[in-house]
Amino acid sequence: MSTSLSYCADCANLLYPRVDHANHVLLNACRNCPYYEEAQSNLVFRNDLMSVSKEQAGVTDGLAKDPTLRRTAELECPRCGRAEAVTFQDQGKRVANRMILFYVCASCQHTFNAPGITPGQRK
């Protein structure tokens, strides 16, 4: 079931939900004029939560050629075994979570992270 925004037929402002206690119905009413209409649905608010199973690096095309990113030769690529990779930080805006580093292999462009290795820790 989806909801859509309703607008006032008189002044074109947004209609807000209001309960008519006398008639036991839900109304969409204008806050700027006396216009109201009966709501088509009893759904007032819907919050869809999306779950993410793991962190994702996002778009990584061309990162291995970016001269401004930090390079490391301390981790081997799990796909090709080469030791040169470009590293960058997760761009998520989380306060409580730890910082996650992603790596892009300079040879095969494979994106990976090294679980268990925190910033400042080396193999």
N, C-alpha and C. Protein backbone atom coordinates (compact mmCIF):
# COMPACT_ATOMS: atom_id res chain seq x y z
N MET A 1 0.85 -1.17 0.00
CA MET A 1 0.00 0.00 0.00
C MET A 1 0.89 1.23 0.00
N SER A 2 0.64 2.16 -0.89
CA SER A 2 1.46 3.35 -0.94
C SER A 2 0.62 4.57 -0.58
N THR A 3 1.27 5.56 -0.09
CA THR A 3 0.60 6.81 0.23
C THR A 3 1.13 7.88 -0.68
N SER A 4 0.32 8.88 -0.92
CA SER A 4 0.78 10.00 -1.72
C SER A 4 0.39 11.28 -0.99
N LEU A 5 1.05 12.34 -1.34
CA LEU A 5 0.75 13.62 -0.72
C LEU A 5 -0.52 14.19 -1.33
N SER A 6 -1.30 14.86 -0.50
CA SER A 6 -2.52 15.52 -0.97
C SER A 6 -2.36 17.01 -0.80
N TYR A 7 -2.98 17.75 -1.72
CA TYR A 7 -2.86 19.20 -1.70
C TYR A 7 -4.25 19.84 -1.63
N CYS A 8 -4.30 20.99 -1.04
CA CYS A 8 -5.55 21.73 -0.85
C CYS A 8 -6.10 22.16 -2.20
N ALA A 9 -7.41 21.95 -2.42
CA ALA A 9 -8.06 22.36 -3.66
C ALA A 9 -8.26 23.87 -3.72
N ASP A 10 -8.23 24.54 -2.56
CA ASP A 10 -8.44 25.99 -2.53
C ASP A 10 -7.16 26.78 -2.66
N CYS A 11 -6.13 26.42 -1.86
CA CYS A 11 -4.91 27.24 -1.83
C CYS A 11 -3.64 26.48 -2.24
N ALA A 12 -3.76 25.20 -2.60
CA ALA A 12 -2.66 24.36 -3.11
C ALA A 12 -1.57 24.08 -2.08
N ASN A 13 -1.85 24.25 -0.80
CA ASN A 13 -0.88 23.89 0.24
C ASN A 13 -1.04 22.41 0.59
N LEU A 14 -0.04 21.89 1.25
CA LEU A 14 -0.04 20.49 1.63
C LEU A 14 -1.11 20.22 2.68
N LEU A 15 -1.81 19.08 2.54
CA LEU A 15 -2.82 18.68 3.52
C LEU A 15 -2.17 17.78 4.56
N TYR A 16 -2.57 17.95 5.80
CA TYR A 16 -2.02 17.19 6.91
C TYR A 16 -3.12 16.33 7.54
N PRO A 17 -2.76 15.18 8.11
CA PRO A 17 -3.77 14.32 8.72
C PRO A 17 -4.37 14.96 9.98
N ARG A 18 -5.67 14.79 10.12
CA ARG A 18 -6.38 15.28 11.31
C ARG A 18 -7.50 14.28 11.60
N VAL A 19 -7.75 14.01 12.85
CA VAL A 19 -8.78 13.06 13.25
C VAL A 19 -10.06 13.82 13.56
N ASP A 20 -11.17 13.36 12.97
CA ASP A 20 -12.49 13.88 13.31
C ASP A 20 -13.07 12.92 14.35
N HIS A 21 -12.93 13.29 15.63
CA HIS A 21 -13.37 12.41 16.72
C HIS A 21 -14.88 12.22 16.74
N ALA A 22 -15.62 13.20 16.31
CA ALA A 22 -17.08 13.09 16.34
C ALA A 22 -17.60 12.04 15.36
N ASN A 23 -17.01 11.99 14.17
CA ASN A 23 -17.46 11.04 13.14
C ASN A 23 -16.55 9.82 13.02
N HIS A 24 -15.47 9.79 13.80
CA HIS A 24 -14.51 8.66 13.80
C HIS A 24 -13.93 8.40 12.40
N VAL A 25 -13.44 9.46 11.77
CA VAL A 25 -12.80 9.34 10.45
C VAL A 25 -11.50 10.13 10.45
N LEU A 26 -10.64 9.76 9.53
CA LEU A 26 -9.37 10.47 9.34
C LEU A 26 -9.56 11.46 8.20
N LEU A 27 -9.12 12.69 8.43
CA LEU A 27 -9.24 13.74 7.43
C LEU A 27 -7.87 14.20 7.00
N ASN A 28 -7.80 14.75 5.80
CA ASN A 28 -6.64 15.50 5.34
C ASN A 28 -7.09 16.95 5.34
N ALA A 29 -6.44 17.78 6.15
CA ALA A 29 -6.90 19.16 6.32
C ALA A 29 -5.77 20.14 6.02
N CYS A 30 -6.17 21.28 5.50
CA CYS A 30 -5.23 22.36 5.20
C CYS A 30 -4.97 23.16 6.47
N ARG A 31 -3.74 23.59 6.67
CA ARG A 31 -3.40 24.40 7.85
C ARG A 31 -3.54 25.89 7.57
N ASN A 32 -3.81 26.25 6.31
CA ASN A 32 -3.88 27.67 5.96
C ASN A 32 -5.31 28.16 5.67
N CYS A 33 -6.22 27.24 5.41
CA CYS A 33 -7.61 27.61 5.14
C CYS A 33 -8.51 26.52 5.70
N PRO A 34 -9.81 26.68 5.68
CA PRO A 34 -10.70 25.68 6.30
C PRO A 34 -10.94 24.42 5.47
N TYR A 35 -10.27 24.24 4.35
CA TYR A 35 -10.51 23.08 3.47
C TYR A 35 -10.07 21.78 4.15
N TYR A 36 -10.86 20.72 3.98
CA TYR A 36 -10.50 19.37 4.41
C TYR A 36 -11.23 18.36 3.53
N GLU A 37 -10.71 17.16 3.51
CA GLU A 37 -11.34 16.06 2.78
C GLU A 37 -11.10 14.78 3.55
N GLU A 38 -11.94 13.79 3.34
CA GLU A 38 -11.75 12.52 4.01
C GLU A 38 -10.56 11.79 3.39
N ALA A 39 -9.72 11.22 4.23
CA ALA A 39 -8.53 10.52 3.76
C ALA A 39 -8.91 9.25 3.02
N GLN A 40 -8.18 8.94 1.95
CA GLN A 40 -8.43 7.74 1.16
C GLN A 40 -7.89 6.49 1.84
N SER A 41 -6.93 6.69 2.74
CA SER A 41 -6.30 5.57 3.42
C SER A 41 -6.12 5.93 4.89
N ASN A 42 -6.08 4.92 5.74
CA ASN A 42 -5.81 5.15 7.16
C ASN A 42 -4.33 5.21 7.47
N LEU A 43 -3.50 5.00 6.49
CA LEU A 43 -2.05 5.03 6.66
C LEU A 43 -1.57 6.48 6.73
N VAL A 44 -0.99 6.85 7.86
CA VAL A 44 -0.53 8.22 8.05
C VAL A 44 0.97 8.33 7.83
N PHE A 45 1.71 7.34 8.30
CA PHE A 45 3.16 7.37 8.21
C PHE A 45 3.67 5.97 7.96
N ARG A 46 4.67 5.85 7.10
CA ARG A 46 5.27 4.56 6.80
C ARG A 46 6.78 4.71 6.81
N ASN A 47 7.45 3.87 7.56
CA ASN A 47 8.89 3.91 7.67
C ASN A 47 9.44 2.57 7.19
N ASP A 48 10.04 2.57 6.00
CA ASP A 48 10.62 1.36 5.45
C ASP A 48 12.08 1.29 5.86
N LEU A 49 12.44 0.27 6.60
CA LEU A 49 13.82 0.08 7.02
C LEU A 49 14.50 -0.88 6.07
N MET A 50 15.67 -0.50 5.64
CA MET A 50 16.46 -1.37 4.76
C MET A 50 17.62 -1.92 5.56
N SER A 51 17.84 -3.20 5.48
CA SER A 51 18.99 -3.78 6.18
C SER A 51 20.12 -3.99 5.20
N VAL A 52 21.30 -3.67 5.65
CA VAL A 52 22.50 -3.86 4.85
C VAL A 52 23.32 -4.92 5.55
N SER A 53 23.66 -5.99 4.84
CA SER A 53 24.35 -7.09 5.49
C SER A 53 25.83 -6.83 5.70
N LYS A 54 26.45 -6.02 4.83
CA LYS A 54 27.87 -5.72 5.01
C LYS A 54 28.17 -4.37 4.38
N GLU A 55 29.32 -3.84 4.71
CA GLU A 55 29.74 -2.57 4.14
C GLU A 55 30.12 -2.78 2.69
N GLN A 56 29.83 -1.79 1.87
CA GLN A 56 30.16 -1.86 0.46
C GLN A 56 31.03 -0.67 0.10
N ALA A 57 31.93 -0.87 -0.81
CA ALA A 57 32.90 0.17 -1.16
C ALA A 57 32.31 1.24 -2.06
N GLY A 58 31.25 0.95 -2.81
CA GLY A 58 30.70 1.92 -3.74
C GLY A 58 31.40 1.83 -5.08
N VAL A 59 31.41 2.91 -5.83
CA VAL A 59 32.03 2.94 -7.15
C VAL A 59 33.53 3.03 -6.99
N THR A 60 34.25 2.09 -7.59
CA THR A 60 35.71 2.05 -7.46
C THR A 60 36.42 2.12 -8.81
N ASP A 61 35.70 2.46 -9.85
CA ASP A 61 36.32 2.53 -11.18
C ASP A 61 37.42 3.60 -11.20
N GLY A 62 38.59 3.22 -11.62
CA GLY A 62 39.70 4.15 -11.79
C GLY A 62 40.43 4.53 -10.51
N LEU A 63 40.08 3.95 -9.38
CA LEU A 63 40.74 4.33 -8.13
C LEU A 63 42.21 3.91 -8.10
N ALA A 64 42.53 2.82 -8.75
CA ALA A 64 43.92 2.35 -8.73
C ALA A 64 44.86 3.32 -9.43
N LYS A 65 44.33 4.20 -10.29
CA LYS A 65 45.16 5.17 -11.01
C LYS A 65 45.13 6.55 -10.36
N ASP A 66 44.39 6.72 -9.28
CA ASP A 66 44.28 8.01 -8.61
C ASP A 66 45.56 8.29 -7.82
N PRO A 67 46.33 9.32 -8.19
CA PRO A 67 47.59 9.58 -7.48
C PRO A 67 47.41 10.20 -6.10
N THR A 68 46.21 10.64 -5.76
CA THR A 68 45.99 11.28 -4.46
C THR A 68 45.67 10.29 -3.35
N LEU A 69 45.36 9.05 -3.71
CA LEU A 69 45.03 8.04 -2.70
C LEU A 69 46.28 7.34 -2.19
N ARG A 70 46.24 6.92 -0.94
CA ARG A 70 47.36 6.23 -0.31
C ARG A 70 47.52 4.84 -0.90
N ARG A 71 48.74 4.46 -1.14
CA ARG A 71 49.06 3.13 -1.66
C ARG A 71 49.75 2.31 -0.59
N THR A 72 49.56 1.01 -0.66
CA THR A 72 50.21 0.12 0.28
C THR A 72 50.71 -1.12 -0.45
N ALA A 73 51.80 -1.66 0.03
CA ALA A 73 52.35 -2.90 -0.52
C ALA A 73 52.38 -3.96 0.57
N GLU A 74 51.57 -3.80 1.60
CA GLU A 74 51.61 -4.68 2.76
C GLU A 74 50.52 -5.74 2.76
N LEU A 75 49.58 -5.68 1.84
CA LEU A 75 48.51 -6.68 1.75
C LEU A 75 48.51 -7.29 0.37
N GLU A 76 48.29 -8.59 0.32
CA GLU A 76 48.18 -9.26 -0.97
C GLU A 76 46.73 -9.28 -1.41
N CYS A 77 46.51 -9.10 -2.69
CA CYS A 77 45.17 -9.18 -3.26
C CYS A 77 44.69 -10.63 -3.18
N PRO A 78 43.48 -10.87 -2.64
CA PRO A 78 42.99 -12.25 -2.55
C PRO A 78 42.70 -12.87 -3.91
N ARG A 79 42.57 -12.07 -4.96
CA ARG A 79 42.27 -12.62 -6.28
C ARG A 79 43.54 -12.95 -7.07
N CYS A 80 44.48 -11.98 -7.17
CA CYS A 80 45.64 -12.20 -8.04
C CYS A 80 46.95 -12.37 -7.28
N GLY A 81 46.99 -12.05 -5.98
CA GLY A 81 48.20 -12.25 -5.19
C GLY A 81 49.20 -11.11 -5.25
N ARG A 82 48.94 -10.08 -6.04
CA ARG A 82 49.87 -8.94 -6.12
C ARG A 82 49.78 -8.14 -4.82
N ALA A 83 50.84 -7.39 -4.51
CA ALA A 83 50.92 -6.73 -3.22
C ALA A 83 50.70 -5.23 -3.27
N GLU A 84 50.40 -4.65 -4.43
CA GLU A 84 50.17 -3.20 -4.47
C GLU A 84 48.67 -2.91 -4.52
N ALA A 85 48.20 -2.06 -3.60
CA ALA A 85 46.78 -1.72 -3.55
C ALA A 85 46.62 -0.27 -3.13
N VAL A 86 45.54 0.32 -3.59
CA VAL A 86 45.15 1.66 -3.18
C VAL A 86 44.17 1.49 -2.03
N THR A 87 44.29 2.30 -1.01
CA THR A 87 43.42 2.17 0.15
C THR A 87 42.60 3.44 0.35
N PHE A 88 41.36 3.26 0.78
CA PHE A 88 40.49 4.40 1.08
C PHE A 88 39.55 3.99 2.20
N GLN A 89 38.96 5.00 2.84
CA GLN A 89 38.11 4.80 4.01
C GLN A 89 36.65 4.71 3.60
N ASP A 90 35.90 3.91 4.34
CA ASP A 90 34.45 3.83 4.18
C ASP A 90 33.86 5.23 4.37
N GLN A 91 32.91 5.62 3.51
CA GLN A 91 32.35 6.95 3.56
C GLN A 91 31.07 7.04 4.40
N GLY A 92 30.73 5.97 5.13
CA GLY A 92 29.53 5.97 5.97
C GLY A 92 29.64 6.98 7.10
N LYS A 93 28.51 7.51 7.50
CA LYS A 93 28.47 8.51 8.58
C LYS A 93 27.98 7.87 9.86
N ARG A 94 28.80 7.04 10.46
CA ARG A 94 28.42 6.37 11.68
C ARG A 94 29.29 6.86 12.82
N VAL A 95 28.68 7.07 13.96
CA VAL A 95 29.42 7.54 15.13
C VAL A 95 29.97 6.35 15.91
N ALA A 96 29.16 5.32 16.09
CA ALA A 96 29.53 4.22 16.98
C ALA A 96 30.40 3.15 16.31
N ASN A 97 30.34 3.02 15.00
CA ASN A 97 31.06 1.94 14.33
C ASN A 97 32.52 2.29 14.10
N ARG A 98 33.29 1.27 13.91
CA ARG A 98 34.72 1.46 13.65
C ARG A 98 34.93 1.89 12.20
N MET A 99 36.09 2.46 11.94
CA MET A 99 36.44 2.87 10.59
C MET A 99 36.78 1.63 9.76
N ILE A 100 36.29 1.56 8.55
CA ILE A 100 36.53 0.43 7.67
C ILE A 100 37.38 0.89 6.50
N LEU A 101 38.48 0.19 6.23
CA LEU A 101 39.34 0.49 5.10
C LEU A 101 39.05 -0.48 3.98
N PHE A 102 38.96 0.06 2.77
CA PHE A 102 38.82 -0.75 1.57
C PHE A 102 40.09 -0.65 0.76
N TYR A 103 40.37 -1.68 -0.01
CA TYR A 103 41.55 -1.73 -0.85
C TYR A 103 41.14 -2.08 -2.27
N VAL A 104 41.80 -1.45 -3.25
CA VAL A 104 41.59 -1.77 -4.66
C VAL A 104 42.94 -2.20 -5.21
N CYS A 105 43.01 -3.41 -5.71
CA CYS A 105 44.26 -3.94 -6.25
C CYS A 105 44.69 -3.11 -7.46
N ALA A 106 45.94 -2.70 -7.49
CA ALA A 106 46.45 -1.90 -8.60
C ALA A 106 46.61 -2.73 -9.86
N SER A 107 46.62 -4.04 -9.74
CA SER A 107 46.80 -4.91 -10.90
C SER A 107 45.48 -5.35 -11.51
N CYS A 108 44.59 -5.95 -10.72
CA CYS A 108 43.36 -6.54 -11.28
C CYS A 108 42.10 -5.75 -10.93
N GLN A 109 42.22 -4.64 -10.20
CA GLN A 109 41.10 -3.76 -9.82
C GLN A 109 40.11 -4.42 -8.86
N HIS A 110 40.46 -5.53 -8.23
CA HIS A 110 39.58 -6.20 -7.28
C HIS A 110 39.47 -5.36 -6.00
N THR A 111 38.24 -5.16 -5.51
CA THR A 111 38.01 -4.42 -4.28
C THR A 111 37.86 -5.40 -3.13
N PHE A 112 38.59 -5.15 -2.05
CA PHE A 112 38.53 -6.04 -0.89
C PHE A 112 38.80 -5.23 0.37
N ASN A 113 38.48 -5.81 1.51
CA ASN A 113 38.88 -5.20 2.77
C ASN A 113 39.60 -6.27 3.57
N ALA A 114 40.33 -5.83 4.56
CA ALA A 114 41.12 -6.75 5.36
C ALA A 114 40.52 -6.80 6.75
N PRO A 115 39.57 -7.71 6.99
CA PRO A 115 38.98 -7.78 8.33
C PRO A 115 40.04 -8.16 9.35
N GLY A 116 39.96 -7.54 10.49
CA GLY A 116 40.93 -7.82 11.55
C GLY A 116 42.10 -6.87 11.54
N ILE A 117 42.27 -6.10 10.46
CA ILE A 117 43.34 -5.12 10.43
C ILE A 117 42.72 -3.76 10.62
N THR A 118 43.12 -3.09 11.66
CA THR A 118 42.61 -1.76 11.95
C THR A 118 43.64 -0.74 11.51
N PRO A 119 43.26 0.53 11.33
CA PRO A 119 44.22 1.53 10.91
C PRO A 119 45.42 1.58 11.85
N GLY A 120 46.61 1.64 11.29
CA GLY A 120 47.82 1.68 12.08
C GLY A 120 48.40 0.32 12.36
N GLN A 121 47.65 -0.75 12.14
CA GLN A 121 48.13 -2.12 12.38
C GLN A 121 48.61 -2.69 11.06
N ARG A 122 49.72 -3.36 11.04
CA ARG A 122 50.29 -3.95 9.83
C ARG A 122 50.34 -5.46 9.98
N LYS A 123 50.53 -6.13 8.86
CA LYS A 123 50.61 -7.60 8.92
C LYS A 123 51.95 -8.08 9.40
